[in-house]
Amino acid sequence: MLRRFKLCRLGLGRTAQLPKIEMLPLTQRSGLEALGTAVLAFTISRVGTADLNGFEQSMSIGLCLALLIHVIGRFSGAHFNPAVTVLLTQQRFGQKAFRSVESWLEAGSYIVAQIIGALIGFALTPVPETAGEFTVAGLIPEAVFSLALYALILRWSDEGRICPFAQPLSGIVIGAGLGFLAVVGGLTQSGIYNPAIVVGLSTHGMSGIVLAIVGQLIAMTILLLVTTRQAASAD
C-alpha cells in the first residue's frame, strides 16, 4: 500500500494529516501534476509567440508557476518537473528512496503525468514558423541555473512537496526564482530547467533537446549526491 500523502497545514516547515479529510490517491495527484504541467507548458508556448520582451515572458512564466503552486501544491506537492520529482522523492523517502516499489511507483506516475501534461500544453498552441535550437554553448549555463532552481525548491519544500500552507511564501519565492533564472537563461542560450518542457518543445521543432536534458540531469545528480550525504551524516 502506498504511504498516505498527507495534506499540509499552516505552520512553517510542518506537515500533518488533517482530520476528517480523505487523502487524494496517487491517480488523482498524478492527474493534478499533468494538469499543472499542461498549464505551465501552455503558458510557456503562448508567451513565446506573444509580442513580449524576454523580461515580460520570464515574469509571466514565473507568475504562472507561483499561482500553480498555491492552487495545487497542497494536494499534489506541485512538482511539475521530472527532475524535481526525483529530488523530492528522495527528500520524502530518505534512504528508502528508489529502493522500494512505493517510491518508484509514485515518482514514475508523476513523471509520466508531467510529460503527458507538457505534450498537451504545447499541442494546444500552433507550431511556430521558426523552431528553436539548444546548442552546446547552453549546456553549462543550463546545468548551473538548473542547480540553483532545484536547490531553491528543495529549500522551500517539506516532506517531498511544495506546500503553500506549510510555507506560505513558497509559491512566490519559487515563481520569482524561476522568473529571474529564465531571464538569465535567455541571455546565456539556456533557461528551460525542466525535462518535461524540453519534451514538449521538441514537438514544436526544437533541436538539441538531449543537451538540455543532460544539463538538467547533471544538476539533479549533484543535488542527489549532496542530499544523500547529508541524510547519511545526520543518521
Protein backbone atom coordinates (compact mmCIF):
# COMPACT_ATOMS: atom_id res chain seq x y z
CA MET A 1 0.00 0.00 0.00
CA LEU A 2 1.26 3.47 -0.85
CA ARG A 3 2.24 5.71 2.01
CA ARG A 4 -0.53 8.22 2.63
CA PHE A 5 0.34 11.57 1.15
CA LYS A 6 -0.61 13.89 3.98
CA LEU A 7 -2.20 17.23 3.31
CA CYS A 8 -0.24 20.01 4.93
CA ARG A 9 -1.45 22.57 7.40
CA LEU A 10 -0.48 26.09 8.33
CA GLY A 11 2.85 26.28 10.07
CA LEU A 12 6.32 26.86 8.65
CA GLY A 13 8.05 23.64 7.80
CA ARG A 14 5.43 21.35 9.35
CA THR A 15 3.06 18.89 7.73
CA ALA A 16 0.37 16.84 9.33
CA GLN A 17 -2.60 14.71 8.42
CA LEU A 18 -5.76 16.72 8.70
CA PRO A 19 -8.70 15.04 10.44
CA LYS A 20 -11.84 14.10 8.53
CA ILE A 21 -10.28 14.81 5.13
CA GLU A 22 -9.85 11.99 2.65
CA MET A 23 -6.36 11.99 1.17
CA LEU A 24 -6.06 12.08 -2.61
CA PRO A 25 -4.96 8.77 -4.15
CA LEU A 26 -1.93 8.64 -6.43
CA THR A 27 -4.03 8.65 -9.61
CA GLN A 28 -5.69 11.93 -8.68
CA ARG A 29 -2.42 13.53 -7.59
CA SER A 30 -0.82 12.44 -10.86
CA GLY A 31 -3.76 13.97 -12.72
CA LEU A 32 -3.18 17.26 -10.93
CA GLU A 33 0.50 17.10 -11.86
CA ALA A 34 -0.48 16.57 -15.51
CA LEU A 35 -2.90 19.49 -15.33
CA GLY A 36 -0.40 21.83 -13.70
CA THR A 37 2.36 20.90 -16.14
CA ALA A 38 -0.02 21.37 -19.07
CA VAL A 39 -0.93 24.87 -17.88
CA LEU A 40 2.74 25.73 -17.40
CA ALA A 41 3.65 24.35 -20.84
CA PHE A 42 0.75 26.21 -22.47
CA THR A 43 1.88 29.45 -20.81
CA ILE A 44 5.47 28.96 -21.96
CA SER A 45 4.31 28.25 -25.51
CA ARG A 46 1.94 31.21 -25.66
CA VAL A 47 4.30 33.82 -24.22
CA GLY A 48 7.00 32.56 -26.57
CA THR A 49 4.90 33.61 -29.56
CA ALA A 50 3.41 36.76 -27.99
CA ASP A 51 4.67 40.29 -28.57
CA LEU A 52 6.60 40.38 -25.29
CA ASN A 53 10.23 41.01 -24.49
CA GLY A 54 12.37 38.49 -22.64
CA PHE A 55 11.75 40.00 -19.22
CA GLU A 56 7.97 40.04 -19.69
CA GLN A 57 7.99 36.43 -20.92
CA SER A 58 10.06 35.27 -17.95
CA MET A 59 7.92 37.07 -15.39
CA SER A 60 4.74 35.64 -16.93
CA ILE A 61 6.11 32.11 -16.62
CA GLY A 62 7.25 32.75 -13.03
CA LEU A 63 3.83 34.13 -12.11
CA CYS A 64 2.14 31.10 -13.67
CA LEU A 65 4.28 28.74 -11.59
CA ALA A 66 3.61 30.72 -8.42
CA LEU A 67 -0.15 30.51 -8.97
CA LEU A 68 0.01 26.78 -9.73
CA ILE A 69 1.95 26.12 -6.53
CA HIS A 70 -0.63 28.00 -4.48
CA VAL A 71 -3.57 26.25 -6.16
CA ILE A 72 -2.25 22.68 -6.46
CA GLY A 73 0.67 22.46 -4.04
CA ARG A 74 -1.36 21.32 -1.05
CA PHE A 75 -2.76 18.34 -2.93
CA SER A 76 -0.02 17.01 -5.22
CA GLY A 77 3.11 18.77 -3.99
CA ALA A 78 3.38 20.94 -7.14
CA HIS A 79 6.40 19.27 -8.74
CA PHE A 80 5.57 19.87 -12.45
CA ASN A 81 9.13 18.79 -13.32
CA PRO A 82 10.59 15.25 -13.54
CA ALA A 83 13.93 16.35 -12.06
CA VAL A 84 12.13 17.99 -9.13
CA THR A 85 10.08 14.83 -8.65
CA VAL A 86 13.23 12.74 -8.32
CA LEU A 87 14.72 15.16 -5.79
CA LEU A 88 11.54 15.47 -3.74
CA THR A 89 11.04 11.70 -3.80
CA GLN A 90 14.48 11.40 -2.26
CA GLN A 91 13.54 14.07 0.27
CA ARG A 92 10.31 12.31 1.20
CA PHE A 93 11.53 8.72 1.42
CA GLY A 94 15.09 9.40 2.57
CA GLN A 95 17.42 6.40 2.33
CA LYS A 96 14.50 4.24 1.17
CA ALA A 97 14.06 6.38 -1.93
CA PHE A 98 14.20 4.28 -5.12
CA ARG A 99 14.80 1.15 -3.06
CA SER A 100 11.13 0.32 -2.79
CA VAL A 101 8.26 -0.25 -5.18
CA GLU A 102 6.36 2.52 -3.42
CA SER A 103 8.86 5.25 -4.23
CA TRP A 104 9.34 4.08 -7.81
CA LEU A 105 5.59 3.91 -8.42
CA GLU A 106 4.98 7.39 -7.06
CA ALA A 107 7.90 9.03 -8.87
CA GLY A 108 7.15 7.18 -12.10
CA SER A 109 3.47 8.13 -12.05
CA TYR A 110 4.32 11.78 -11.52
CA ILE A 111 6.97 11.85 -14.26
CA VAL A 112 4.72 10.19 -16.84
CA ALA A 113 1.90 12.59 -15.92
CA GLN A 114 4.21 15.60 -16.27
CA ILE A 115 5.42 14.56 -19.71
CA ILE A 116 1.86 13.95 -20.88
CA GLY A 117 0.81 17.31 -19.47
CA ALA A 118 3.65 19.10 -21.25
CA LEU A 119 2.76 17.45 -24.56
CA ILE A 120 -0.88 18.50 -24.15
CA GLY A 121 0.08 22.06 -23.23
CA PHE A 122 2.22 22.51 -26.34
CA ALA A 123 -0.35 20.73 -28.53
CA LEU A 124 -2.88 23.46 -27.68
CA THR A 125 -0.75 26.13 -29.36
CA PRO A 126 0.25 26.39 -33.02
CA VAL A 127 3.72 25.29 -34.07
CA PRO A 128 5.88 28.40 -34.66
CA GLU A 129 7.34 29.03 -38.08
CA THR A 130 10.86 29.24 -36.66
CA ALA A 131 12.00 26.34 -34.49
CA GLY A 132 14.33 26.87 -31.56
CA GLU A 133 17.70 25.23 -31.03
CA PHE A 134 19.56 24.30 -27.85
CA THR A 135 23.31 24.42 -28.51
CA VAL A 136 26.41 23.21 -26.72
CA ALA A 137 27.02 26.77 -25.51
CA GLY A 138 23.93 26.50 -23.32
CA LEU A 139 24.89 23.23 -21.63
CA ILE A 140 26.91 24.61 -18.70
CA PRO A 141 24.53 27.53 -18.01
CA GLU A 142 21.59 25.11 -18.12
CA ALA A 143 23.29 22.86 -15.56
CA VAL A 144 24.31 25.74 -13.28
CA PHE A 145 20.98 27.55 -13.32
CA SER A 146 19.02 24.29 -13.02
CA LEU A 147 21.12 23.53 -9.95
CA ALA A 148 20.20 26.93 -8.48
CA LEU A 149 16.48 26.43 -9.18
CA TYR A 150 16.37 22.88 -7.82
CA ALA A 151 18.27 23.93 -4.68
CA LEU A 152 15.77 26.74 -4.14
CA ILE A 153 12.89 24.30 -4.50
CA LEU A 154 14.47 21.89 -2.01
CA ARG A 155 14.91 24.75 0.45
CA TRP A 156 11.23 25.71 0.19
CA SER A 157 9.79 22.19 0.20
CA ASP A 158 8.96 19.83 3.03
CA GLU A 159 8.49 16.05 3.06
CA GLY A 160 8.54 15.83 -0.72
CA ARG A 161 6.16 18.62 -1.61
CA ILE A 162 5.95 22.35 -2.18
CA CYS A 163 3.09 23.39 0.07
CA PRO A 164 1.83 26.97 0.38
CA PHE A 165 0.04 26.10 3.61
CA ALA A 166 3.17 24.85 5.37
CA GLN A 167 5.33 27.62 3.87
CA PRO A 168 3.08 30.46 2.70
CA LEU A 169 5.75 32.20 0.61
CA SER A 170 6.88 29.10 -1.25
CA GLY A 171 4.95 29.84 -4.45
CA ILE A 172 6.06 33.47 -4.58
CA VAL A 173 9.71 32.67 -3.88
CA ILE A 174 9.97 29.76 -6.33
CA GLY A 175 7.99 31.59 -9.02
CA ALA A 176 10.20 34.67 -8.65
CA GLY A 177 13.28 32.45 -8.72
CA LEU A 178 12.16 30.79 -11.94
CA GLY A 179 11.37 34.17 -13.48
CA PHE A 180 14.81 35.54 -12.63
CA LEU A 181 16.62 32.42 -13.82
CA ALA A 182 14.59 32.45 -17.04
CA VAL A 183 15.80 36.00 -17.70
CA VAL A 184 19.41 34.99 -17.06
CA GLY A 185 18.96 31.81 -19.07
CA GLY A 186 17.67 33.79 -22.01
CA LEU A 187 20.94 35.70 -22.03
CA THR A 188 23.05 32.53 -21.97
CA GLN A 189 21.27 30.32 -24.52
CA SER A 190 19.67 28.23 -21.79
CA GLY A 191 16.74 28.68 -19.40
CA ILE A 192 14.47 25.62 -19.69
CA TYR A 193 15.27 23.73 -16.45
CA ASN A 194 12.52 21.14 -16.96
CA PRO A 195 12.85 17.84 -18.87
CA ALA A 196 9.09 17.62 -19.45
CA ILE A 197 9.07 21.08 -21.03
CA VAL A 198 12.02 20.05 -23.19
CA VAL A 199 10.00 17.09 -24.48
CA GLY A 200 7.10 19.44 -25.20
CA LEU A 201 9.37 21.88 -27.02
CA SER A 202 10.58 19.05 -29.25
CA THR A 203 7.07 18.78 -30.69
CA HIS A 204 7.46 22.39 -31.83
CA GLY A 205 10.62 21.56 -33.72
CA MET A 206 13.24 22.42 -31.12
CA SER A 207 16.55 20.66 -31.72
CA GLY A 208 19.32 19.83 -29.25
CA ILE A 209 16.92 18.52 -26.62
CA VAL A 210 19.38 15.86 -25.46
CA LEU A 211 21.88 18.55 -24.47
CA ALA A 212 19.23 20.42 -22.49
CA ILE A 213 18.19 17.30 -20.60
CA VAL A 214 21.82 16.38 -19.92
CA GLY A 215 22.37 19.77 -18.29
CA GLN A 216 19.31 19.30 -16.11
CA LEU A 217 20.33 15.74 -15.16
CA ILE A 218 23.77 16.97 -14.14
CA ALA A 219 22.19 19.47 -11.75
CA MET A 220 19.79 16.86 -10.39
CA THR A 221 22.57 14.33 -9.84
CA ILE A 222 24.74 16.82 -7.94
CA LEU A 223 21.90 17.65 -5.58
CA LEU A 224 21.03 13.98 -5.13
CA LEU A 225 24.60 13.28 -4.05
CA VAL A 226 24.64 16.24 -1.68
CA THR A 227 21.31 15.45 -0.04
CA THR A 228 22.15 11.75 0.25
CA ARG A 229 25.38 12.55 2.07
CA GLN A 230 23.59 14.99 4.33
CA ALA A 231 21.00 12.37 5.22
CA ALA A 232 23.70 9.77 5.88
CA SER A 233 25.67 12.12 8.13
CA ALA A 234 22.52 13.06 10.04
CA ASP A 235 21.89 9.38 10.82
